[in-house]
Protein backbone atom coordinates (compact mmCIF):
# COMPACT_ATOMS: atom_id res chain seq x y z
CA MET A 1 113.30 161.31 129.91
CA ASN A 2 112.05 163.73 127.26
CA ASN A 3 113.55 165.48 124.27
CA LEU A 4 114.37 169.18 124.46
CA VAL A 5 113.03 170.72 121.24
CA TYR A 6 113.57 174.42 120.56
CA PRO A 7 111.32 176.64 118.39
CA ASN A 8 111.66 177.02 114.62
CA ILE A 9 112.21 173.33 113.86
CA LEU A 10 110.84 171.53 110.80
CA ILE A 11 110.77 167.75 111.21
CA GLY A 12 109.61 165.59 108.32
CA GLU A 13 106.92 162.95 108.56
CA GLY A 14 108.06 159.62 109.92
CA THR A 15 111.23 160.89 111.62
CA LEU A 16 111.84 159.34 115.04
CA ILE A 17 113.78 161.25 117.68
CA GLU A 18 114.68 159.07 120.66
CA PRO A 19 115.02 160.76 124.05
CA PRO A 20 116.93 162.26 125.60
CA SER A 21 118.02 164.36 122.60
CA ILE A 22 118.37 168.12 122.08
CA ILE A 23 116.96 169.40 118.81
CA GLY A 24 117.43 172.95 117.50
CA LYS A 25 119.81 174.22 120.17
CA PRO A 26 120.84 177.81 119.31
CA PRO A 27 124.56 178.16 118.59
CA ARG A 28 126.67 180.58 120.60
CA GLY A 29 125.51 184.14 119.98
CA ALA A 30 122.12 183.21 118.48
CA ALA A 31 118.82 183.99 120.15
CA GLU A 32 116.79 181.16 121.69
CA GLY A 33 113.53 182.26 120.09
CA GLY A 34 114.03 180.48 116.80
CA GLU A 35 116.39 182.91 115.06
CA LEU A 36 117.89 180.03 113.04
CA LEU A 37 115.93 177.23 111.39
CA LEU A 38 116.72 173.53 111.70
CA THR A 39 115.20 171.32 109.01
CA ILE A 40 115.18 167.51 109.24
CA GLY A 41 113.69 165.46 106.39
CA ARG A 42 111.33 162.52 106.39
CA ASN A 43 111.80 159.03 107.81
CA GLY A 44 114.90 159.81 109.83
CA HIS A 45 116.06 158.20 113.05
CA ILE A 46 117.94 160.25 115.63
CA ARG A 47 119.14 158.09 118.48
CA PRO A 48 119.46 159.04 122.18
CA PHE A 49 121.84 161.66 123.59
CA SER A 50 122.25 163.44 120.25
CA THR A 51 122.36 167.24 119.92
CA LEU A 52 121.44 168.95 116.67
CA TYR A 53 121.96 172.72 116.61
CA ALA A 54 119.80 175.26 114.84
CA GLY A 55 120.98 176.55 111.47
CA SER A 56 121.42 173.25 109.61
CA THR A 57 119.52 171.43 106.86
CA ILE A 58 119.28 167.63 106.88
CA GLY A 59 117.68 165.45 104.19
CA ASP A 60 115.41 162.42 104.19
CA ASN A 61 116.23 159.02 105.73
CA PHE A 62 118.87 160.50 108.03
CA GLN A 63 120.32 158.18 110.68
CA THR A 64 122.45 158.83 113.72
CA GLY A 65 124.04 156.61 116.30
CA GLN A 66 123.96 157.64 119.94
CA GLY A 67 125.62 160.79 121.24
CA VAL A 68 126.04 162.56 117.89
CA SER A 69 126.71 166.32 117.88
CA ILE A 70 125.87 168.37 114.77
CA ARG A 71 126.60 172.08 114.97
CA GLU A 72 125.18 174.96 112.90
CA ASP A 73 125.72 175.53 109.17
CA ASN A 74 125.78 171.88 108.18
CA ILE A 75 124.04 170.80 104.97
CA ILE A 76 123.44 167.05 104.85
CA GLY A 77 121.86 165.20 101.93
CA ASN A 78 119.48 162.26 101.75
CA ASN A 79 120.22 158.75 103.06
CA VAL A 80 123.16 159.86 105.20
CA SER A 81 124.30 158.02 108.34
CA ILE A 82 126.36 159.59 111.14
CA GLY A 83 127.79 157.06 113.61
CA THR A 84 127.85 157.04 117.41
CA ASN A 85 129.78 159.84 119.16
CA SER A 86 130.73 161.59 115.93
CA VAL A 87 131.09 165.38 115.97
CA LEU A 88 130.23 167.60 113.04
CA GLU A 89 131.39 171.12 113.81
CA PHE A 90 130.21 174.02 111.64
CA GLY A 91 130.36 174.32 107.88
CA ASN A 92 130.27 170.74 106.61
CA ARG A 93 128.59 169.66 103.37
CA ILE A 94 127.69 165.97 103.04
CA GLY A 95 126.26 164.49 99.83
CA ASP A 96 123.59 161.84 99.38
CA ASN A 97 124.12 158.22 100.41
CA SER A 98 127.31 158.85 102.41
CA ARG A 99 128.27 157.12 105.64
CA ILE A 100 130.25 158.76 108.44
CA HIS A 101 131.16 156.06 110.93
CA SER A 102 131.53 156.30 114.73
CA ASN A 103 133.89 158.67 116.60
CA CYS A 104 134.65 160.87 113.61
CA PHE A 105 135.41 164.61 113.73
CA MET A 106 135.01 167.10 110.93
CA GLU A 107 134.76 170.86 110.41
CA MET A 108 134.38 172.79 107.12
CA VAL A 109 134.63 169.50 105.20
CA THR A 110 132.93 168.79 101.87
CA ILE A 111 131.89 165.17 101.37
CA GLY A 112 130.53 163.95 98.03
CA CYS A 113 127.95 161.25 97.34
CA TYR A 114 128.43 157.58 98.24
CA VAL A 115 131.47 158.36 100.40
CA PHE A 116 132.49 156.03 103.24
CA VAL A 117 134.37 157.46 106.23
CA GLY A 118 135.57 154.75 108.62
CA PRO A 119 135.59 154.87 112.43
CA ASN A 120 137.82 157.37 114.25
CA VAL A 121 138.66 159.43 111.17
CA VAL A 122 139.70 163.01 112.00
CA PHE A 123 139.51 165.89 109.52
CA THR A 124 141.56 168.95 110.49
CA ASP A 125 141.00 172.46 109.14
CA ASP A 126 143.52 174.77 110.81
CA PRO A 127 147.20 174.57 109.77
CA HIS A 128 148.37 176.57 112.80
CA PRO A 129 146.12 175.95 115.81
CA MET A 130 145.17 177.72 117.80
CA GLY A 131 143.90 181.29 117.61
CA CYS A 132 144.82 182.30 114.05
CA PRO A 133 142.27 185.00 113.20
CA LYS A 134 142.30 184.00 109.51
CA TYR A 135 141.90 180.24 109.81
CA LYS A 136 138.39 180.23 108.33
CA GLU A 137 139.79 181.95 105.24
CA CYS A 138 142.88 179.74 104.98
CA LYS A 139 142.92 176.17 103.68
CA GLY A 140 139.70 175.04 105.32
CA GLY A 141 138.62 171.45 105.56
CA ALA A 142 139.19 168.65 103.07
CA ILE A 143 137.18 167.97 99.93
CA VAL A 144 136.25 164.31 99.47
CA GLU A 145 134.87 163.47 96.04
CA ASP A 146 132.16 160.93 95.17
CA PHE A 147 132.68 157.22 95.92
CA ALA A 148 135.87 157.78 97.94
CA ARG A 149 136.53 155.50 100.94
CA ILE A 150 138.59 156.46 103.99
CA GLY A 151 139.86 153.72 106.28
CA ALA A 152 139.59 153.71 110.07
CA ASN A 153 141.85 155.89 112.24
CA SER A 154 143.00 158.09 109.36
CA THR A 155 143.85 161.78 109.75
CA ILE A 156 143.11 164.18 106.91
CA LEU A 157 145.01 167.49 106.94
CA PRO A 158 143.52 170.89 105.99
CA GLY A 159 142.68 171.69 102.39
CA VAL A 160 143.41 168.23 101.00
CA ARG A 161 141.36 166.98 98.03
CA ILE A 162 140.62 163.25 97.98
CA GLY A 163 139.77 162.18 94.45
CA LYS A 164 136.78 160.28 93.15
CA ASN A 165 136.72 156.52 93.78
CA SER A 166 139.98 156.60 95.75
CA LEU A 167 140.79 154.49 98.79
CA ILE A 168 142.66 155.67 101.91
CA GLY A 169 144.24 152.83 103.88
CA ALA A 170 143.50 152.51 107.60
CA GLY A 171 145.69 154.63 109.85
CA SER A 172 146.90 156.91 107.07
CA VAL A 173 147.90 160.55 107.50
CA VAL A 174 146.86 162.35 104.32
CA THR A 175 148.99 165.47 103.84
CA LYS A 176 148.46 166.17 100.12
CA ASP A 177 145.90 165.64 97.36
CA VAL A 178 144.95 162.10 96.38
CA PRO A 179 144.28 161.42 92.67
CA GLU A 180 141.13 159.71 91.42
CA ASN A 181 141.13 155.91 91.68
CA ALA A 182 144.34 155.90 93.74
CA VAL A 183 145.02 153.71 96.77
CA VAL A 184 147.15 155.48 99.36
CA ALA A 185 148.45 154.39 102.75
CA GLY A 186 151.00 155.32 105.40
CA ASN A 187 152.28 158.37 107.27
CA PRO A 188 152.52 160.45 105.22
CA ALA A 189 150.14 158.65 102.86
CA LYS A 190 151.67 157.64 99.53
CA ILE A 191 150.20 156.05 96.41
CA ILE A 192 150.71 152.28 96.49
CA LYS A 193 148.44 151.17 93.61
CA THR A 194 145.16 151.93 91.87
CA VAL A 195 141.71 150.70 92.85
CA ASP A 196 141.66 148.52 89.71
CA GLU A 197 144.74 146.68 91.00
CA LEU A 198 143.07 145.59 94.24
CA THR A 199 142.25 141.91 94.75
CA CYS A 200 139.45 140.19 96.61
CA VAL A 201 141.37 138.11 99.16
CA ALA A 202 138.41 135.76 99.70
CA GLY A 203 138.01 135.16 95.98
CA PHE A 204 134.35 136.15 95.76
CA PHE A 205 134.98 138.79 93.09
CA LYS A 206 137.58 139.41 90.43
CA ARG A 207 138.40 142.54 92.41
CA PRO A 208 136.70 144.68 95.05
CA TYR A 209 134.04 147.25 94.16
CA MET A 210 132.47 145.26 91.36
CA TRP A 211 129.08 145.84 93.00
CA PRO A 212 126.64 148.78 93.05
CA PRO A 213 127.04 151.70 93.28
CA TYR A 214 130.64 151.35 92.08
CA GLU A 215 129.97 149.44 88.86
């Protein structure tokens, strides 16, 4: 099996693309002759069955799992990992050193630096699906600030801001803004403590996140 690589692609030195993958696919309505540019930085690793559309910019040391889909108008920083079967629809912004785990979905989401998004996290961006002609101009996707961590199977509603260094418990439904350093959990998610009040159950540390880059 071979990769399908469209025109107008810039791939940095040392980036490995495992077949079968589709690189630079034109989005709906775009010409197939390289109308939109796809840029991928150096030393990346794109694993099999992934599709990266034209019109996005991806930094150095990018990693995907298998079966990742990345649509147009995504800007992804350096040292970012996107897990197996995750879908990035249009308009996402992902900062350096962030990890998006497997089976995640996001559209029009802004992710800061050193953010962790656990498996099966869904970001929504349309308060009234489907067919609202103004949804792109409405609340949009969430904003997740630097060092935030989102637990597995959480759902993040449109327009929510998740504060710096906060922690979202697994399975939460986040319906409103989360303050910096807060720990929230539940449906709907509510503040239960601060990050400084967390304990290391195994006793290795005085509390969690006393290691880089959180120190």
